[in-house]
Amino acid sequence: MKPHEKIAMDFRDLLSKRGESAYKNLKKFFERQKEDFYEAKILELQARGINRQDSIIKARQGWVSVAKFLIMWWELGAGR
């Protein structure tokens, strides 16, 4: 599963559990998703033999790509 697909699925779960109040917690939700993404991506890159510092940089770059995709997804109305 691609990172943006996992985040979208997690957000749909949050919406189904909390309804409209989920929107009040978006900042916390995305902060947690970002941390989970960083941790998983850094471990994945290190397993491929990339050093820790380069793994951190690549994970941050990867998050920017995921965030851009999520913004487009949201603007198209998929998140509502």
PDB file of N, CA and C in Angstrom:
ATOM      1  N   MET A   1       0.853  -1.171   0.000  1.00  0.00           N
ATOM      2  CA  MET A   1       0.000   0.000   0.000  1.00  0.00           C
ATOM      3  C   MET A   1       0.904   1.240   0.000  1.00  0.00           C
ATOM      4  N   LYS A   2       0.577   2.182  -0.836  1.00  0.00           N
ATOM      5  CA  LYS A   2       1.355   3.416  -0.905  1.00  0.00           C
ATOM      6  C   LYS A   2       1.055   4.274   0.322  1.00  0.00           C
ATOM      7  N   PRO A   3       2.015   5.123   0.727  1.00  0.00           N
ATOM      8  CA  PRO A   3       1.806   5.935   1.934  1.00  0.00           C
ATOM      9  C   PRO A   3       0.544   6.789   1.886  1.00  0.00           C
ATOM     10  N   HIS A   4       0.283   7.422   0.745  1.00  0.00           N
ATOM     11  CA  HIS A   4      -0.906   8.276   0.680  1.00  0.00           C
ATOM     12  C   HIS A   4      -2.190   7.455   0.783  1.00  0.00           C
ATOM     13  N   GLU A   5      -2.166   6.217   0.301  1.00  0.00           N
ATOM     14  CA  GLU A   5      -3.336   5.353   0.422  1.00  0.00           C
ATOM     15  C   GLU A   5      -3.582   4.967   1.880  1.00  0.00           C
ATOM     16  N   LYS A   6      -2.507   4.684   2.611  1.00  0.00           N
ATOM     17  CA  LYS A   6      -2.637   4.346   4.029  1.00  0.00           C
ATOM     18  C   LYS A   6      -3.190   5.529   4.815  1.00  0.00           C
ATOM     19  N   ILE A   7      -2.666   6.717   4.548  1.00  0.00           N
ATOM     20  CA  ILE A   7      -3.120   7.909   5.265  1.00  0.00           C
ATOM     21  C   ILE A   7      -4.582   8.191   4.943  1.00  0.00           C
ATOM     22  N   ALA A   8      -4.965   8.064   3.677  1.00  0.00           N
ATOM     23  CA  ALA A   8      -6.362   8.281   3.300  1.00  0.00           C
ATOM     24  C   ALA A   8      -7.270   7.279   4.010  1.00  0.00           C
ATOM     25  N   MET A   9      -6.842   6.029   4.075  1.00  0.00           N
ATOM     26  CA  MET A   9      -7.621   5.001   4.759  1.00  0.00           C
ATOM     27  C   MET A   9      -7.728   5.312   6.260  1.00  0.00           C
ATOM     28  N   ASP A  10      -6.615   5.716   6.869  1.00  0.00           N
ATOM     29  CA  ASP A  10      -6.634   6.072   8.289  1.00  0.00           C
ATOM     30  C   ASP A  10      -7.557   7.256   8.544  1.00  0.00           C
ATOM     31  N   PHE A  11      -7.565   8.225   7.610  1.00  0.00           N
ATOM     32  CA  PHE A  11      -8.427   9.390   7.790  1.00  0.00           C
ATOM     33  C   PHE A  11      -9.897   9.004   7.661  1.00  0.00           C
ATOM     34  N   ARG A  12     -10.200   8.137   6.716  1.00  0.00           N
ATOM     35  CA  ARG A  12     -11.589   7.666   6.590  1.00  0.00           C
ATOM     36  C   ARG A  12     -12.031   6.946   7.864  1.00  0.00           C
ATOM     37  N   ASP A  13     -11.121   6.156   8.444  1.00  0.00           N
ATOM     38  CA  ASP A  13     -11.429   5.485   9.712  1.00  0.00           C
ATOM     39  C   ASP A  13     -11.692   6.503  10.814  1.00  0.00           C
ATOM     40  N   LEU A  14     -10.854   7.536  10.871  1.00  0.00           N
ATOM     41  CA  LEU A  14     -11.032   8.586  11.870  1.00  0.00           C
ATOM     42  C   LEU A  14     -12.380   9.278  11.684  1.00  0.00           C
ATOM     43  N   LEU A  15     -12.724   9.578  10.434  1.00  0.00           N
ATOM     44  CA  LEU A  15     -14.015  10.215  10.157  1.00  0.00           C
ATOM     45  C   LEU A  15     -15.179   9.324  10.568  1.00  0.00           C
ATOM     46  N   SER A  16     -15.072   8.040  10.290  1.00  0.00           N
ATOM     47  CA  SER A  16     -16.180   7.146  10.634  1.00  0.00           C
ATOM     48  C   SER A  16     -16.340   7.006  12.144  1.00  0.00           C
ATOM     49  N   LYS A  17     -15.229   7.098  12.876  1.00  0.00           N
ATOM     50  CA  LYS A  17     -15.289   6.972  14.329  1.00  0.00           C
ATOM     51  C   LYS A  17     -15.724   8.266  15.013  1.00  0.00           C
ATOM     52  N   ARG A  18     -15.229   9.398  14.502  1.00  0.00           N
ATOM     53  CA  ARG A  18     -15.463  10.672  15.191  1.00  0.00           C
ATOM     54  C   ARG A  18     -16.407  11.613  14.469  1.00  0.00           C
ATOM     55  N   GLY A  19     -16.789  11.289  13.265  1.00  0.00           N
ATOM     56  CA  GLY A  19     -17.689  12.148  12.511  1.00  0.00           C
ATOM     57  C   GLY A  19     -17.065  13.514  12.258  1.00  0.00           C
ATOM     58  N   GLU A  20     -17.881  14.533  12.327  1.00  0.00           N
ATOM     59  CA  GLU A  20     -17.414  15.892  12.038  1.00  0.00           C
ATOM     60  C   GLU A  20     -16.364  16.392  13.027  1.00  0.00           C
ATOM     61  N   SER A  21     -16.336  15.843  14.232  1.00  0.00           N
ATOM     62  CA  SER A  21     -15.331  16.292  15.208  1.00  0.00           C
ATOM     63  C   SER A  21     -13.917  15.901  14.782  1.00  0.00           C
ATOM     64  N   ALA A  22     -13.802  14.982  13.825  1.00  0.00           N
ATOM     65  CA  ALA A  22     -12.476  14.580  13.329  1.00  0.00           C
ATOM     66  C   ALA A  22     -11.743  15.764  12.712  1.00  0.00           C
ATOM     67  N   TYR A  23     -12.476  16.676  12.104  1.00  0.00           N
ATOM     68  CA  TYR A  23     -11.849  17.829  11.456  1.00  0.00           C
ATOM     69  C   TYR A  23     -11.157  18.740  12.462  1.00  0.00           C
ATOM     70  N   LYS A  24     -11.610  18.719  13.705  1.00  0.00           N
ATOM     71  CA  LYS A  24     -10.988  19.549  14.743  1.00  0.00           C
ATOM     72  C   LYS A  24      -9.623  19.013  15.147  1.00  0.00           C
ATOM     73  N   ASN A  25      -9.364  17.761  14.845  1.00  0.00           N
ATOM     74  CA  ASN A  25      -8.112  17.110  15.238  1.00  0.00           C
ATOM     75  C   ASN A  25      -7.181  16.836  14.060  1.00  0.00           C
ATOM     76  N   LEU A  26      -7.352  17.557  12.963  1.00  0.00           N
ATOM     77  CA  LEU A  26      -6.536  17.291  11.774  1.00  0.00           C
ATOM     78  C   LEU A  26      -5.051  17.504  12.018  1.00  0.00           C
ATOM     79  N   LYS A  27      -4.710  18.546  12.753  1.00  0.00           N
ATOM     80  CA  LYS A  27      -3.293  18.824  12.994  1.00  0.00           C
ATOM     81  C   LYS A  27      -2.636  17.647  13.717  1.00  0.00           C
ATOM     82  N   LYS A  28      -3.274  17.164  14.780  1.00  0.00           N
ATOM     83  CA  LYS A  28      -2.731  16.016  15.515  1.00  0.00           C
ATOM     84  C   LYS A  28      -2.676  14.773  14.635  1.00  0.00           C
ATOM     85  N   PHE A  29      -3.723  14.570  13.854  1.00  0.00           N
ATOM     86  CA  PHE A  29      -3.779  13.407  12.974  1.00  0.00           C
ATOM     87  C   PHE A  29      -2.599  13.406  12.004  1.00  0.00           C
ATOM     88  N   PHE A  30      -2.368  14.536  11.333  1.00  0.00           N
ATOM     89  CA  PHE A  30      -1.298  14.583  10.340  1.00  0.00           C
ATOM     90  C   PHE A  30       0.082  14.602  10.974  1.00  0.00           C
ATOM     91  N   GLU A  31       0.220  15.160  12.166  1.00  0.00           N
ATOM     92  CA  GLU A  31       1.512  15.083  12.858  1.00  0.00           C
ATOM     93  C   GLU A  31       1.863  13.625  13.154  1.00  0.00           C
ATOM     94  N   ARG A  32       0.887  12.862  13.598  1.00  0.00           N
ATOM     95  CA  ARG A  32       1.121  11.447  13.899  1.00  0.00           C
ATOM     96  C   ARG A  32       1.418  10.652  12.623  1.00  0.00           C
ATOM     97  N   GLN A  33       0.673  10.951  11.559  1.00  0.00           N
ATOM     98  CA  GLN A  33       0.914  10.273  10.285  1.00  0.00           C
ATOM     99  C   GLN A  33       2.322  10.568   9.772  1.00  0.00           C
ATOM    100  N   LYS A  34       2.754  11.820   9.925  1.00  0.00           N
ATOM    101  CA  LYS A  34       4.090  12.206   9.474  1.00  0.00           C
ATOM    102  C   LYS A  34       5.156  11.457  10.260  1.00  0.00           C
ATOM    103  N   GLU A  35       4.997  11.377  11.565  1.00  0.00           N
ATOM    104  CA  GLU A  35       5.970  10.656  12.393  1.00  0.00           C
ATOM    105  C   GLU A  35       6.014   9.170  12.026  1.00  0.00           C
ATOM    106  N   ASP A  36       4.839   8.576  11.831  1.00  0.00           N
ATOM    107  CA  ASP A  36       4.786   7.163  11.426  1.00  0.00           C
ATOM    108  C   ASP A  36       5.480   6.957  10.082  1.00  0.00           C
ATOM    109  N   PHE A  37       5.235   7.884   9.150  1.00  0.00           N
ATOM    110  CA  PHE A  37       5.860   7.797   7.832  1.00  0.00           C
ATOM    111  C   PHE A  37       7.373   7.898   7.953  1.00  0.00           C
ATOM    112  N   TYR A  38       7.851   8.894   8.715  1.00  0.00           N
ATOM    113  CA  TYR A  38       9.297   9.075   8.890  1.00  0.00           C
ATOM    114  C   TYR A  38       9.942   7.810   9.455  1.00  0.00           C
ATOM    115  N   GLU A  39       9.365   7.285  10.515  1.00  0.00           N
ATOM    116  CA  GLU A  39       9.941   6.098  11.160  1.00  0.00           C
ATOM    117  C   GLU A  39      10.018   4.917  10.194  1.00  0.00           C
ATOM    118  N   ALA A  40       8.919   4.657   9.498  1.00  0.00           N
ATOM    119  CA  ALA A  40       8.881   3.520   8.569  1.00  0.00           C
ATOM    120  C   ALA A  40       9.844   3.727   7.403  1.00  0.00           C
ATOM    121  N   LYS A  41       9.865   4.934   6.858  1.00  0.00           N
ATOM    122  CA  LYS A  41      10.710   5.206   5.695  1.00  0.00           C
ATOM    123  C   LYS A  41      12.191   5.157   6.058  1.00  0.00           C
ATOM    124  N   ILE A  42      12.555   5.707   7.200  1.00  0.00           N
ATOM    125  CA  ILE A  42      13.957   5.684   7.631  1.00  0.00           C
ATOM    126  C   ILE A  42      14.424   4.242   7.819  1.00  0.00           C
ATOM    127  N   LEU A  43      13.610   3.429   8.476  1.00  0.00           N
ATOM    128  CA  LEU A  43      13.971   2.014   8.661  1.00  0.00           C
ATOM    129  C   LEU A  43      14.088   1.285   7.321  1.00  0.00           C
ATOM    130  N   GLU A  44      13.158   1.563   6.419  1.00  0.00           N
ATOM    131  CA  GLU A  44      13.189   0.936   5.093  1.00  0.00           C
ATOM    132  C   GLU A  44      14.468   1.315   4.339  1.00  0.00           C
ATOM    133  N   LEU A  45      14.818   2.594   4.369  1.00  0.00           N
ATOM    134  CA  LEU A  45      16.007   3.056   3.653  1.00  0.00           C
ATOM    135  C   LEU A  45      17.290   2.513   4.281  1.00  0.00           C
ATOM    136  N   GLN A  46      17.331   2.458   5.600  1.00  0.00           N
ATOM    137  CA  GLN A  46      18.510   1.912   6.266  1.00  0.00           C
ATOM    138  C   GLN A  46      18.668   0.425   5.961  1.00  0.00           C
ATOM    139  N   ALA A  47      17.555  -0.282   5.839  1.00  0.00           N
ATOM    140  CA  ALA A  47      17.613  -1.705   5.488  1.00  0.00           C
ATOM    141  C   ALA A  47      18.192  -1.905   4.090  1.00  0.00           C
ATOM    142  N   ARG A  48      18.058  -0.878   3.259  1.00  0.00           N
ATOM    143  CA  ARG A  48      18.631  -0.927   1.908  1.00  0.00           C
ATOM    144  C   ARG A  48      20.100  -0.518   1.891  1.00  0.00           C
ATOM    145  N   GLY A  49      20.635  -0.188   3.065  1.00  0.00           N
ATOM    146  CA  GLY A  49      22.050   0.160   3.157  1.00  0.00           C
ATOM    147  C   GLY A  49      22.351   1.646   3.082  1.00  0.00           C
ATOM    148  N   ILE A  50      21.334   2.485   3.149  1.00  0.00           N
ATOM    149  CA  ILE A  50      21.533   3.936   3.119  1.00  0.00           C
ATOM    150  C   ILE A  50      21.810   4.399   4.546  1.00  0.00           C
ATOM    151  N   ASN A  51      22.811   5.271   4.719  1.00  0.00           N
ATOM    152  CA  ASN A  51      23.161   5.707   6.073  1.00  0.00           C
ATOM    153  C   ASN A  51      22.027   6.525   6.694  1.00  0.00           C
ATOM    154  N   ARG A  52      22.075   6.663   8.008  1.00  0.00           N
ATOM    155  CA  ARG A  52      20.977   7.295   8.754  1.00  0.00           C
ATOM    156  C   ARG A  52      20.695   8.719   8.294  1.00  0.00           C
ATOM    157  N   GLN A  53      21.735   9.532   8.135  1.00  0.00           N
ATOM    158  CA  GLN A  53      21.533  10.931   7.757  1.00  0.00           C
ATOM    159  C   GLN A  53      20.859  11.037   6.385  1.00  0.00           C
ATOM    160  N   ASP A  54      21.332  10.274   5.423  1.00  0.00           N
ATOM    161  CA  ASP A  54      20.714  10.288   4.094  1.00  0.00           C
ATOM    162  C   ASP A  54      19.289   9.733   4.142  1.00  0.00           C
ATOM    163  N   SER A  55      19.061   8.758   4.998  1.00  0.00           N
ATOM    164  CA  SER A  55      17.716   8.193   5.156  1.00  0.00           C
ATOM    165  C   SER A  55      16.743   9.240   5.681  1.00  0.00           C
ATOM    166  N   ILE A  56      17.199  10.043   6.628  1.00  0.00           N
ATOM    167  CA  ILE A  56      16.354  11.102   7.189  1.00  0.00           C
ATOM    168  C   ILE A  56      16.003  12.121   6.114  1.00  0.00           C
ATOM    169  N   ILE A  57      16.995  12.521   5.338  1.00  0.00           N
ATOM    170  CA  ILE A  57      16.763  13.501   4.269  1.00  0.00           C
ATOM    171  C   ILE A  57      15.773  12.948   3.246  1.00  0.00           C
ATOM    172  N   LYS A  58      15.978  11.718   2.830  1.00  0.00           N
ATOM    173  CA  LYS A  58      15.086  11.104   1.842  1.00  0.00           C
ATOM    174  C   LYS A  58      13.673  10.913   2.399  1.00  0.00           C
ATOM    175  N   ALA A  59      13.559  10.604   3.671  1.00  0.00           N
ATOM    176  CA  ALA A  59      12.237  10.459   4.294  1.00  0.00           C
ATOM    177  C   ALA A  59      11.503  11.795   4.290  1.00  0.00           C
ATOM    178  N   ARG A  60      12.213  12.868   4.589  1.00  0.00           N
ATOM    179  CA  ARG A  60      11.583  14.198   4.563  1.00  0.00           C
ATOM    180  C   ARG A  60      11.137  14.561   3.157  1.00  0.00           C
ATOM    181  N   GLN A  61      11.976  14.278   2.174  1.00  0.00           N
ATOM    182  CA  GLN A  61      11.600  14.542   0.786  1.00  0.00           C
ATOM    183  C   GLN A  61      10.383  13.706   0.396  1.00  0.00           C
ATOM    184  N   GLY A  62      10.347  12.479   0.857  1.00  0.00           N
ATOM    185  CA  GLY A  62       9.211  11.610   0.571  1.00  0.00           C
ATOM    186  C   GLY A  62       7.924  12.131   1.176  1.00  0.00           C
ATOM    187  N   TRP A  63       8.014  12.680   2.401  1.00  0.00           N
ATOM    188  CA  TRP A  63       6.819  13.215   3.049  1.00  0.00           C
ATOM    189  C   TRP A  63       6.260  14.392   2.266  1.00  0.00           C
ATOM    190  N   VAL A  64       7.126  15.227   1.711  1.00  0.00           N
ATOM    191  CA  VAL A  64       6.668  16.366   0.910  1.00  0.00           C
ATOM    192  C   VAL A  64       5.845  15.859  -0.275  1.00  0.00           C
ATOM    193  N   SER A  65       6.301  14.815  -0.925  1.00  0.00           N
ATOM    194  CA  SER A  65       5.561  14.239  -2.054  1.00  0.00           C
ATOM    195  C   SER A  65       4.207  13.696  -1.605  1.00  0.00           C
ATOM    196  N   VAL A  66       4.197  13.009  -0.485  1.00  0.00           N
ATOM    197  CA  VAL A  66       2.940  12.463   0.045  1.00  0.00           C
ATOM    198  C   VAL A  66       1.991  13.601   0.409  1.00  0.00           C
ATOM    199  N   ALA A  67       2.506  14.636   1.060  1.00  0.00           N
ATOM    200  CA  ALA A  67       1.675  15.770   1.467  1.00  0.00           C
ATOM    201  C   ALA A  67       1.075  16.469   0.249  1.00  0.00           C
ATOM    202  N   LYS A  68       1.854  16.642  -0.806  1.00  0.00           N
ATOM    203  CA  LYS A  68       1.333  17.269  -2.030  1.00  0.00           C
ATOM    204  C   LYS A  68       0.198  16.435  -2.610  1.00  0.00           C
ATOM    205  N   PHE A  69       0.385  15.127  -2.631  1.00  0.00           N
ATOM    206  CA  PHE A  69      -0.661  14.252  -3.147  1.00  0.00           C
ATOM    207  C   PHE A  69      -1.924  14.376  -2.299  1.00  0.00           C
ATOM    208  N   LEU A  70      -1.775  14.399  -0.983  1.00  0.00           N
ATOM    209  CA  LEU A  70      -2.940  14.493  -0.095  1.00  0.00           C
ATOM    210  C   LEU A  70      -3.680  15.810  -0.274  1.00  0.00           C
ATOM    211  N   ILE A  71      -2.940  16.886  -0.508  1.00  0.00           N
ATOM    212  CA  ILE A  71      -3.581  18.182  -0.746  1.00  0.00           C
ATOM    213  C   ILE A  71      -4.407  18.123  -2.027  1.00  0.00           C
ATOM    214  N   MET A  72      -3.849  17.558  -3.079  1.00  0.00           N
ATOM    215  CA  MET A  72      -4.601  17.424  -4.337  1.00  0.00           C
ATOM    216  C   MET A  72      -5.828  16.544  -4.126  1.00  0.00           C
ATOM    217  N   TRP A  73      -5.654  15.451  -3.397  1.00  0.00           N
ATOM    218  CA  TRP A  73      -6.755  14.533  -3.103  1.00  0.00           C
ATOM    219  C   TRP A  73      -7.875  15.269  -2.373  1.00  0.00           C
ATOM    220  N   TRP A  74      -7.485  16.083  -1.403  1.00  0.00           N
ATOM    221  CA  TRP A  74      -8.466  16.825  -0.612  1.00  0.00           C
ATOM    222  C   TRP A  74      -9.193  17.854  -1.468  1.00  0.00           C
ATOM    223  N   GLU A  75      -8.433  18.585  -2.291  1.00  0.00           N
ATOM    224  CA  GLU A  75      -9.024  19.627  -3.130  1.00  0.00           C
ATOM    225  C   GLU A  75      -9.991  19.052  -4.160  1.00  0.00           C
ATOM    226  N   LEU A  76      -9.772  17.834  -4.574  1.00  0.00           N
ATOM    227  CA  LEU A  76     -10.679  17.190  -5.526  1.00  0.00           C
ATOM    228  C   LEU A  76     -11.955  16.686  -4.857  1.00  0.00           C
ATOM    229  N   GLY A  77     -12.008  16.810  -3.538  1.00  0.00           N
ATOM    230  CA  GLY A  77     -13.212  16.439  -2.818  1.00  0.00           C
ATOM    231  C   GLY A  77     -13.234  15.018  -2.307  1.00  0.00           C
ATOM    232  N   ALA A  78     -12.152  14.291  -2.509  1.00  0.00           N
ATOM    233  CA  ALA A  78     -12.123  12.899  -2.059  1.00  0.00           C
ATOM    234  C   ALA A  78     -12.128  12.793  -0.543  1.00  0.00           C
ATOM    235  N   GLY A  79     -11.667  13.824   0.135  1.00  0.00           N
ATOM    236  CA  GLY A  79     -11.596  13.779   1.585  1.00  0.00           C
ATOM    237  C   GLY A  79     -12.860  14.223   2.280  1.00  0.00           C
ATOM    238  N   ARG A  80     -13.861  14.567   1.503  1.00  0.00           N
ATOM    239  CA  ARG A  80     -15.089  15.079   2.130  1.00  0.00           C
ATOM    240  C   ARG A  80     -16.228  14.124   1.970  1.00  0.00           C
TER     241      ARG A  80
END
